[in-house]
N, C-alpha and C. Protein backbone atom coordinates (compact mmCIF):
# COMPACT_ATOMS: atom_id res chain seq x y z
N MET A 1 90.02 84.30 87.66
CA MET A 1 89.11 83.54 88.38
C MET A 1 89.18 82.38 87.65
N PRO A 2 89.32 81.51 87.69
CA PRO A 2 88.75 79.55 87.33
C PRO A 2 86.91 79.57 88.02
N PHE A 3 86.54 78.69 87.00
CA PHE A 3 85.48 78.29 87.01
C PHE A 3 85.05 77.50 88.42
N PRO A 4 84.25 77.64 88.97
CA PRO A 4 84.21 76.78 90.28
C PRO A 4 83.88 75.32 89.72
N SER A 5 84.65 74.56 89.88
CA SER A 5 84.77 73.10 89.87
C SER A 5 83.02 71.98 90.53
N ASN A 6 82.57 72.80 91.52
CA ASN A 6 81.66 72.32 92.36
C ASN A 6 80.44 72.18 91.36
N LYS A 7 79.75 71.29 91.18
CA LYS A 7 78.68 71.22 90.65
C LYS A 7 77.52 72.10 90.96
N SER A 8 77.17 71.70 91.96
CA SER A 8 76.41 72.61 92.33
C SER A 8 76.12 74.44 92.68
N THR A 9 77.75 74.60 92.51
CA THR A 9 77.80 75.81 92.73
C THR A 9 78.04 76.34 91.14
N LYS A 10 78.24 75.36 90.14
CA LYS A 10 78.33 75.79 88.43
C LYS A 10 76.80 75.87 88.74
N LYS A 11 75.80 75.68 89.10
CA LYS A 11 74.62 75.27 88.51
C LYS A 11 74.17 76.53 88.81
N GLN A 12 74.65 76.93 90.69
CA GLN A 12 73.86 78.21 90.62
C GLN A 12 74.17 79.49 89.86
N LEU A 13 75.43 79.19 89.64
CA LEU A 13 76.13 80.61 88.28
C LEU A 13 75.17 80.24 87.08
N MET A 14 75.27 79.01 86.91
CA MET A 14 74.10 79.13 85.65
C MET A 14 72.43 79.49 85.71
N ASP A 15 72.02 79.06 86.87
CA ASP A 15 70.80 79.71 87.22
C ASP A 15 70.87 81.18 87.08
N CYS A 16 71.34 81.87 87.90
CA CYS A 16 71.82 83.41 88.05
C CYS A 16 71.85 83.95 86.70
N ASP A 17 72.62 83.25 85.83
CA ASP A 17 72.99 84.00 84.15
C ASP A 17 71.43 83.74 83.68
N GLN A 18 70.23 82.84 84.02
CA GLN A 18 69.50 82.37 83.13
C GLN A 18 68.34 83.54 83.60
N VAL A 19 68.65 83.97 84.87
CA VAL A 19 68.00 84.86 85.25
C VAL A 19 67.99 86.35 84.62
N ARG A 20 69.45 86.55 84.37
CA ARG A 20 69.94 87.75 83.74
C ARG A 20 69.27 87.63 81.95
N VAL A 21 69.88 86.30 81.29
CA VAL A 21 69.49 86.30 80.43
C VAL A 21 67.95 86.95 80.05
N GLN A 22 67.24 85.97 81.08
CA GLN A 22 65.47 86.01 80.91
C GLN A 22 65.48 87.81 80.87
N SER A 23 66.04 88.14 81.57
CA SER A 23 65.44 90.14 81.70
C SER A 23 65.75 90.81 80.74
N ILE A 24 67.36 89.88 79.86
CA ILE A 24 67.60 91.09 78.77
C ILE A 24 66.88 90.70 77.44
N VAL A 25 66.33 89.12 77.54
CA VAL A 25 65.49 88.84 76.15
C VAL A 25 64.27 89.56 76.60
N GLU A 26 64.03 89.63 77.61
CA GLU A 26 62.18 90.18 77.74
C GLU A 26 62.45 91.68 77.31
N ASP A 27 63.13 92.55 77.83
CA ASP A 27 63.60 93.81 77.13
C ASP A 27 63.95 94.09 75.71
N ILE A 28 64.50 92.83 75.30
CA ILE A 28 64.96 92.89 73.43
C ILE A 28 63.40 92.55 72.89
N LEU A 29 62.57 91.62 74.07
CA LEU A 29 61.36 91.10 72.88
C LEU A 29 60.56 92.52 72.76
N PHE A 30 60.09 93.05 74.36
CA PHE A 30 59.52 94.15 74.49
C PHE A 30 60.11 95.46 73.52
N GLU A 31 61.05 95.61 72.79
CA GLU A 31 61.30 96.39 71.55
C GLU A 31 60.85 96.18 70.29
N MET A 32 60.78 94.47 70.15
CA MET A 32 60.83 93.82 68.52
C MET A 32 59.61 94.00 68.32
N GLY A 33 58.24 93.95 69.71
CA GLY A 33 57.19 93.78 69.00
C GLY A 33 56.89 91.96 68.98
N GLU A 34 55.41 91.81 69.20
CA GLU A 34 54.87 90.65 68.73
C GLU A 34 54.97 89.91 67.16
N GLU A 35 54.87 90.86 66.07
CA GLU A 35 54.80 90.26 65.09
C GLU A 35 56.64 90.22 64.65
N ARG A 36 57.24 90.54 65.00
CA ARG A 36 58.81 90.06 64.64
C ARG A 36 58.91 89.24 65.45
N LEU A 37 58.55 89.17 67.13
CA LEU A 37 58.98 88.00 67.39
C LEU A 37 58.50 86.47 67.13
N VAL A 38 57.27 86.78 66.40
CA VAL A 38 56.43 84.88 65.39
C VAL A 38 57.66 85.35 64.51
N GLN A 39 57.95 86.00 63.50
CA GLN A 39 58.98 85.72 62.57
C GLN A 39 60.13 84.82 63.30
N TYR A 40 60.65 85.24 64.04
CA TYR A 40 61.79 84.98 64.61
C TYR A 40 61.35 83.17 65.35
N LYS A 41 60.49 83.51 65.73
CA LYS A 41 60.10 82.29 66.20
C LYS A 41 60.19 80.82 65.01
N LYS A 42 59.38 81.38 63.93
CA LYS A 42 58.96 80.70 63.08
C LYS A 42 60.30 80.37 62.01
N ALA A 43 61.23 81.33 62.14
CA ALA A 43 62.47 81.39 61.46
C ALA A 43 63.41 80.23 62.25
N PHE A 44 63.46 79.92 63.54
CA PHE A 44 64.00 79.54 64.97
C PHE A 44 64.04 78.53 64.17
N ALA A 45 62.68 77.87 64.51
CA ALA A 45 61.87 76.74 64.01
C ALA A 45 62.16 75.94 63.02
N LYS A 46 62.46 76.42 62.04
CA LYS A 46 62.88 75.85 60.91
C LYS A 46 63.96 75.48 60.80
N PHE A 47 65.02 75.93 61.39
CA PHE A 47 66.68 75.15 61.85
C PHE A 47 67.02 74.73 62.69
N ASP A 48 65.12 74.19 63.40
CA ASP A 48 65.38 73.48 65.13
C ASP A 48 65.04 72.22 64.40
N LYS A 49 65.38 71.31 63.40
CA LYS A 49 64.79 70.37 63.08
C LYS A 49 64.54 69.27 63.88
N ASP A 50 64.95 68.99 65.36
CA ASP A 50 64.81 67.85 66.06
C ASP A 50 63.52 68.52 67.12
N SER A 51 63.42 69.68 66.86
CA SER A 51 62.36 70.60 67.90
C SER A 51 63.23 70.23 69.53
N THR A 52 64.46 70.83 69.55
CA THR A 52 64.33 70.50 71.07
C THR A 52 65.02 72.03 71.65
N GLY A 53 64.84 72.99 70.54
CA GLY A 53 64.70 74.13 70.72
C GLY A 53 66.18 74.91 71.02
N ILE A 54 67.00 73.85 70.34
CA ILE A 54 68.42 74.48 70.25
C ILE A 54 68.86 74.11 68.61
N ILE A 55 69.77 74.90 68.17
CA ILE A 55 70.55 74.77 67.14
C ILE A 55 72.18 75.13 67.34
N SER A 56 72.74 74.79 66.18
CA SER A 56 74.37 74.19 66.19
C SER A 56 74.87 75.58 65.25
N SER A 57 76.26 75.92 65.90
CA SER A 57 76.35 77.15 65.42
C SER A 57 76.53 77.04 63.62
N LYS A 58 76.40 75.97 62.56
CA LYS A 58 75.94 75.95 61.43
C LYS A 58 74.56 76.64 61.40
N GLN A 59 74.22 75.48 61.99
CA GLN A 59 72.09 76.37 61.70
C GLN A 59 72.36 77.40 61.89
N LEU A 60 72.74 77.96 63.23
CA LEU A 60 73.48 79.70 62.95
C LEU A 60 73.05 80.31 61.92
N ARG A 61 74.52 80.24 61.07
CA ARG A 61 74.91 80.85 60.58
C ARG A 61 74.14 80.91 59.30
N GLN A 62 73.12 79.52 59.02
CA GLN A 62 72.30 79.83 57.83
C GLN A 62 71.10 80.48 58.06
N LEU A 63 70.48 80.36 59.57
CA LEU A 63 69.72 80.91 59.88
C LEU A 63 69.84 82.60 59.83
N LEU A 64 70.84 83.46 59.99
CA LEU A 64 71.07 84.55 60.26
C LEU A 64 71.25 84.65 58.76
N ARG A 65 71.63 84.01 57.64
CA ARG A 65 71.48 84.42 56.43
C ARG A 65 70.20 84.91 56.05
N THR A 66 69.38 83.56 56.11
CA THR A 66 68.37 83.94 56.09
C THR A 66 67.49 85.38 56.19
N LEU A 67 67.95 85.61 57.31
CA LEU A 67 67.12 87.00 58.11
C LEU A 67 68.25 88.30 57.62
N GLY A 68 68.83 88.26 56.53
CA GLY A 68 69.38 88.92 55.81
C GLY A 68 70.85 89.72 56.73
N HIS A 69 71.58 88.86 57.15
CA HIS A 69 72.57 88.86 58.36
C HIS A 69 73.85 87.57 57.94
N ASN A 70 75.21 88.27 57.67
CA ASN A 70 76.51 87.46 56.55
C ASN A 70 77.23 87.87 57.86
N PRO A 71 77.53 86.96 59.24
CA PRO A 71 78.57 87.71 59.86
C PRO A 71 80.08 86.99 59.68
N SER A 72 80.80 86.96 59.58
CA SER A 72 82.07 86.41 59.28
C SER A 72 82.32 85.30 60.33
N ASP A 73 83.32 84.32 60.08
CA ASP A 73 83.36 83.51 60.41
C ASP A 73 83.81 84.11 62.22
N ILE A 74 84.58 84.86 62.28
CA ILE A 74 85.46 85.53 63.47
C ILE A 74 83.84 86.08 64.11
N GLU A 75 83.03 87.06 63.62
CA GLU A 75 82.02 87.61 64.33
C GLU A 75 81.45 86.52 64.69
N LEU A 76 81.29 85.45 63.90
CA LEU A 76 79.93 84.40 64.66
C LEU A 76 80.62 83.74 65.57
N ARG A 77 82.14 83.36 65.91
CA ARG A 77 82.37 82.56 66.56
C ARG A 77 82.07 83.56 68.13
N GLU A 78 82.54 84.96 68.22
CA GLU A 78 82.83 86.10 68.83
C GLU A 78 81.06 86.37 69.48
N LEU A 79 80.29 86.05 68.62
CA LEU A 79 78.50 86.15 68.85
C LEU A 79 78.28 85.06 69.75
N VAL A 80 78.65 83.94 69.59
CA VAL A 80 78.29 82.38 70.10
C VAL A 80 78.91 82.59 71.42
N ASN A 81 80.14 83.30 71.45
CA ASN A 81 80.77 83.56 72.89
C ASN A 81 80.20 83.92 74.15
N GLN A 82 79.16 85.27 73.64
CA GLN A 82 78.87 85.80 74.07
C GLN A 82 77.63 85.72 74.61
N VAL A 83 76.72 85.01 73.62
CA VAL A 83 75.50 84.49 74.28
C VAL A 83 75.29 83.74 74.64
N ASP A 84 76.07 82.30 74.36
CA ASP A 84 75.90 81.20 75.04
C ASP A 84 76.41 81.16 76.72
N ILE A 85 75.40 81.52 76.88
CA ILE A 85 75.48 81.23 78.60
C ILE A 85 75.87 79.91 79.14
N ASP A 86 75.62 78.98 79.05
CA ASP A 86 75.49 77.66 79.32
C ASP A 86 76.65 77.02 78.73
N GLU A 87 77.43 77.33 77.42
CA GLU A 87 78.61 76.99 77.31
C GLU A 87 78.67 76.06 76.48
N ASN A 88 77.58 75.70 75.88
CA ASN A 88 77.33 73.78 75.51
C ASN A 88 77.58 74.32 73.80
N GLY A 89 78.22 75.29 73.31
CA GLY A 89 78.80 75.64 72.21
C GLY A 89 77.18 75.67 71.36
N LYS A 90 75.97 75.57 71.55
CA LYS A 90 74.64 75.54 70.58
C LYS A 90 73.78 76.54 71.33
N ILE A 91 73.23 77.03 70.50
CA ILE A 91 72.19 78.49 70.57
C ILE A 91 71.01 78.34 70.54
N ASP A 92 70.16 78.43 71.99
CA ASP A 92 68.87 77.96 72.60
C ASP A 92 67.89 79.59 71.74
N PHE A 93 66.60 79.35 71.95
CA PHE A 93 65.98 80.38 71.44
C PHE A 93 66.67 81.99 72.26
N ASN A 94 66.17 81.74 73.40
CA ASN A 94 66.51 82.85 74.35
C ASN A 94 68.19 83.28 74.03
N GLU A 95 69.16 82.60 73.62
CA GLU A 95 70.01 83.29 73.07
C GLU A 95 69.82 83.88 71.82
N PHE A 96 69.40 83.02 71.02
CA PHE A 96 69.24 83.97 69.64
C PHE A 96 68.47 84.95 69.67
N ILE A 97 68.02 85.18 70.79
CA ILE A 97 67.20 86.53 70.51
C ILE A 97 68.18 87.90 71.07
N ILE A 98 68.88 86.96 71.95
CA ILE A 98 69.96 88.33 72.50
C ILE A 98 70.45 88.75 71.29
N MET A 99 70.98 87.73 70.41
CA MET A 99 71.80 87.97 69.34
C MET A 99 71.27 88.86 68.24
N ILE A 100 70.09 88.72 67.94
CA ILE A 100 69.24 89.38 67.06
C ILE A 100 69.07 91.27 67.82
N GLY A 101 68.74 90.90 68.81
CA GLY A 101 68.85 92.23 69.57
C GLY A 101 70.33 92.72 69.07
N TYR A 102 71.53 92.35 68.60
CA TYR A 102 73.03 93.02 68.87
C TYR A 102 72.87 93.37 67.32
N PHE A 103 72.17 92.77 66.16
CA PHE A 103 71.82 92.92 64.97
C PHE A 103 71.28 93.97 64.52
N ASP A 104 69.81 94.14 65.33
CA ASP A 104 68.88 95.11 65.40
C ASP A 104 69.68 96.57 65.37
N LYS A 105 70.47 96.48 66.93
CA LYS A 105 71.15 97.65 67.48
C LYS A 105 72.24 98.25 66.46
N ALA A 106 72.81 97.19 65.60
CA ALA A 106 74.28 97.30 64.77
C ALA A 106 73.12 98.56 63.52
N ASN A 107 72.11 97.77 63.08
CA ASN A 107 71.55 98.07 62.05
C ASN A 107 71.21 99.29 62.41
N ASN A 108 70.60 99.83 63.85
CA ASN A 108 69.93 100.93 63.78
C ASN A 108 70.77 101.99 63.93
N GLU A 109 72.25 101.57 64.28
CA GLU A 109 73.32 102.18 64.68
C GLU A 109 73.53 102.59 63.01
N ALA A 110 73.26 102.06 62.40
CA ALA A 110 74.25 102.39 60.94
C ALA A 110 73.27 103.35 60.31
N GLU A 111 71.72 103.27 60.59
CA GLU A 111 70.55 103.52 60.21
C GLU A 111 70.75 105.05 60.64
N ASP A 112 71.17 105.84 61.64
CA ASP A 112 71.49 106.90 62.44
C ASP A 112 73.01 107.52 61.74
N LEU A 113 73.91 106.85 61.70
CA LEU A 113 74.94 107.45 61.12
C LEU A 113 74.36 107.95 59.83
N CYS A 114 73.65 106.90 58.88
CA CYS A 114 73.48 107.28 57.72
C CYS A 114 72.63 108.70 57.35
N ASP A 115 71.83 108.68 58.45
CA ASP A 115 71.01 110.15 58.93
C ASP A 115 71.72 111.33 58.74
N ILE A 116 72.83 110.95 59.98
CA ILE A 116 73.77 112.18 60.22
C ILE A 116 74.75 112.46 59.14
N PHE A 117 74.95 111.72 58.79
CA PHE A 117 76.01 112.04 57.04
C PHE A 117 74.95 112.58 56.09
N ARG A 118 74.09 112.73 55.56
CA ARG A 118 72.66 113.51 55.23
C ARG A 118 72.62 114.76 55.29
N VAL A 119 72.58 114.93 57.30
CA VAL A 119 72.65 116.62 57.17
C VAL A 119 73.90 117.33 56.70
N PHE A 120 75.09 116.73 56.96
CA PHE A 120 76.36 117.52 56.50
C PHE A 120 76.69 117.04 55.14
N ASP A 121 76.05 116.46 54.39
CA ASP A 121 75.84 116.14 52.60
C ASP A 121 74.80 117.11 52.36
N ARG A 122 74.86 118.66 52.23
CA ARG A 122 74.26 119.61 51.82
C ARG A 122 73.88 119.28 50.53
N ASP A 123 74.66 119.13 49.73
CA ASP A 123 74.23 119.47 48.40
C ASP A 123 73.86 118.11 47.72
N GLU A 124 73.84 116.88 48.88
CA GLU A 124 73.54 115.32 48.76
C GLU A 124 74.31 114.71 47.46
N ARG A 125 75.35 115.08 47.23
CA ARG A 125 76.43 114.52 46.62
C ARG A 125 77.23 113.00 46.87
N GLY A 126 76.71 112.34 47.82
CA GLY A 126 77.24 111.42 48.26
C GLY A 126 78.15 111.80 49.23
N CYS A 127 78.70 112.65 49.04
CA CYS A 127 80.09 112.64 49.91
C CYS A 127 80.30 114.07 50.78
N ILE A 128 81.34 114.21 51.71
CA ILE A 128 81.35 115.48 52.57
C ILE A 128 82.73 115.66 52.29
N ASP A 129 83.23 117.00 51.76
CA ASP A 129 84.43 117.39 51.63
C ASP A 129 85.18 117.66 52.97
N VAL A 130 86.50 117.03 52.63
CA VAL A 130 87.35 117.43 53.99
C VAL A 130 87.47 118.72 54.47
N SER A 131 87.40 119.51 53.76
CA SER A 131 87.07 121.19 54.31
C SER A 131 85.83 121.09 55.14
N GLU A 132 84.85 120.39 55.04
CA GLU A 132 83.97 120.40 55.54
C GLU A 132 83.68 120.06 56.99
N LEU A 133 84.60 118.88 57.06
CA LEU A 133 84.95 118.36 58.32
C LEU A 133 85.74 118.65 59.28
N ARG A 134 86.54 119.61 58.28
CA ARG A 134 87.35 120.43 59.28
C ARG A 134 86.77 121.37 59.91
N GLN A 135 85.85 122.08 59.32
CA GLN A 135 84.87 123.30 59.92
C GLN A 135 84.02 122.46 61.20
N ILE A 136 83.48 121.55 60.83
CA ILE A 136 82.63 121.08 61.54
C ILE A 136 84.08 120.87 63.11
N TRP A 137 84.99 120.39 62.91
CA TRP A 137 85.93 120.35 63.76
C TRP A 137 86.42 121.75 64.64
N GLU A 138 86.70 122.44 63.79
CA GLU A 138 86.56 123.51 64.31
C GLU A 138 85.63 124.63 65.43
N GLU A 139 84.42 124.10 64.69
CA GLU A 139 83.30 124.84 65.65
C GLU A 139 83.03 123.49 66.78
N PHE A 140 83.63 122.49 66.41
CA PHE A 140 82.40 121.83 67.50
C PHE A 140 83.80 120.66 68.42
N LEU A 141 84.71 120.08 67.73
CA LEU A 141 85.76 119.58 68.83
C LEU A 141 87.19 119.82 69.09
N ARG A 142 87.59 120.83 68.57
CA ARG A 142 88.82 120.81 68.33
C ARG A 142 88.69 121.24 69.99
N HIS A 143 88.62 121.27 70.82
CA HIS A 143 88.54 121.20 72.20
C HIS A 143 89.24 120.06 72.70
N ALA A 144 88.12 119.08 72.16
CA ALA A 144 88.06 117.91 72.77
C ALA A 144 89.56 116.59 72.16
N VAL A 145 89.62 116.89 70.80
CA VAL A 145 89.99 116.25 69.93
C VAL A 145 91.44 117.12 69.21
N PRO A 146 92.79 116.89 69.86
CA PRO A 146 94.04 117.47 69.47
C PRO A 146 93.94 117.61 67.48
N VAL A 147 94.55 118.54 66.91
CA VAL A 147 94.95 118.34 65.22
C VAL A 147 95.17 117.18 64.94
N GLU A 148 96.28 116.67 65.83
CA GLU A 148 97.19 115.77 65.14
C GLU A 148 96.32 114.43 64.91
N GLU A 149 95.33 114.22 65.99
CA GLU A 149 94.64 112.96 66.30
C GLU A 149 93.43 113.56 65.04
N PHE A 150 92.76 114.44 64.93
CA PHE A 150 91.79 114.72 63.70
C PHE A 150 92.64 114.59 62.71
N GLU A 151 94.28 114.81 62.04
CA GLU A 151 94.21 114.91 60.75
C GLU A 151 94.64 113.45 60.34
N GLU A 152 94.92 113.08 61.37
CA GLU A 152 95.18 111.59 61.13
C GLU A 152 93.62 110.76 61.06
N MET A 153 92.62 110.75 61.98
CA MET A 153 91.54 110.31 61.43
C MET A 153 91.12 110.74 60.28
N ILE A 154 91.30 111.93 59.73
CA ILE A 154 91.24 112.00 58.15
C ILE A 154 91.64 111.49 57.06
N SER A 155 93.17 111.36 57.67
CA SER A 155 93.75 110.27 56.60
C SER A 155 93.14 108.86 56.62
N VAL A 156 92.71 108.28 57.51
CA VAL A 156 92.43 106.97 57.47
C VAL A 156 91.03 107.09 56.88
N ILE A 157 90.00 107.88 56.92
CA ILE A 157 88.81 108.01 56.60
C ILE A 157 88.53 108.33 54.70
N ASP A 158 89.60 109.14 54.41
CA ASP A 158 89.74 109.35 53.15
C ASP A 158 90.66 108.07 52.78
N ASP A 159 90.36 107.40 52.56
CA ASP A 159 91.54 106.15 52.12
C ASP A 159 91.84 106.18 50.77
N ASP A 160 91.23 106.94 49.75
CA ASP A 160 91.25 106.99 48.22
C ASP A 160 92.10 108.21 48.00
N GLY A 161 92.01 108.98 49.51
CA GLY A 161 92.89 110.50 49.63
C GLY A 161 92.24 111.78 48.07
N ASN A 162 90.81 111.09 47.67
CA ASN A 162 90.15 112.39 47.03
C ASN A 162 89.79 113.63 47.64
N GLY A 163 89.84 113.81 48.90
CA GLY A 163 89.44 115.14 49.71
C GLY A 163 87.90 115.17 50.26
N GLU A 164 87.48 113.62 49.73
CA GLU A 164 86.17 113.57 49.74
C GLU A 164 85.92 112.63 50.79
N VAL A 165 84.90 112.45 51.59
CA VAL A 165 84.29 111.08 52.57
C VAL A 165 83.25 110.95 52.11
N ASP A 166 83.20 109.44 51.66
CA ASP A 166 81.79 109.16 50.99
C ASP A 166 81.03 108.43 52.58
N ARG A 167 79.68 108.26 52.31
CA ARG A 167 79.02 107.36 53.59
C ARG A 167 80.11 106.15 53.86
N PHE A 168 80.48 105.49 53.13
CA PHE A 168 80.90 104.33 52.78
C PHE A 168 82.51 103.87 53.61
N GLU A 169 82.59 105.11 53.36
CA GLU A 169 84.42 105.33 54.16
C GLU A 169 83.82 105.88 55.60
N LEU A 170 82.99 106.40 55.57
CA LEU A 170 82.49 106.90 57.18
C LEU A 170 82.34 106.01 58.23
N LEU A 171 81.43 105.21 57.40
CA LEU A 171 80.51 103.92 58.12
C LEU A 171 81.59 102.88 58.18
N GLU A 172 82.52 102.43 57.08
CA GLU A 172 83.78 101.49 57.73
C GLU A 172 84.93 102.47 59.06
N ILE A 173 85.04 103.29 58.98
CA ILE A 173 86.13 103.87 60.00
C ILE A 173 84.81 103.89 61.15
N LEU A 174 83.88 104.57 61.84
CA LEU A 174 82.99 104.68 62.54
C LEU A 174 82.51 102.84 63.15
N GLN A 175 82.77 101.96 62.08
CA GLN A 175 82.46 100.78 63.14
C GLN A 175 83.58 100.42 63.17
N SER A 176 84.33 100.02 62.80
CA SER A 176 86.19 99.66 63.22
C SER A 176 86.30 100.14 64.64
N THR A 177 86.05 101.47 64.77
CA THR A 177 86.74 101.94 66.37
C THR A 177 85.84 101.45 67.13
N ARG A 178 84.38 100.56 67.13
CA ARG A 178 83.86 100.22 68.03
C ARG A 178 84.78 99.14 69.11
């Protein structure tokens, strides 16, 4: 469906989006806490040189790097497209907070996966034998995942073919399936 050309209709849609955005931002801010909010406000302000409350994609990349994130060009473009509600190609603070919420969620998921990995890495070698994964599949997943699909997943996960899956191989394959 093409975007309405009527300016008042477009304004109404943008106003509706702003209400939705504000709700999302409030949820993220609640989870992040006041101390981190202050940190993000200060960081955003450093890159908002003209104090308009808006930064460019180039400034956004620099800001994200200072916060420890290094998205690829494609990831950055996708993120901007997802959070740039007013479609002006620039990011305001609310849109930035939504983006940070995405990074926080991704970091939390990675930490959770590492914790799960440690449970199965009983001897703390930093890897799981493929035979252990087969045992887990036999006990818990056989009814949900056909053997052919499981074997294909193992061949993809154990990309170096050493019969072991290390944390990085597992994280890589799990993150690529999102």
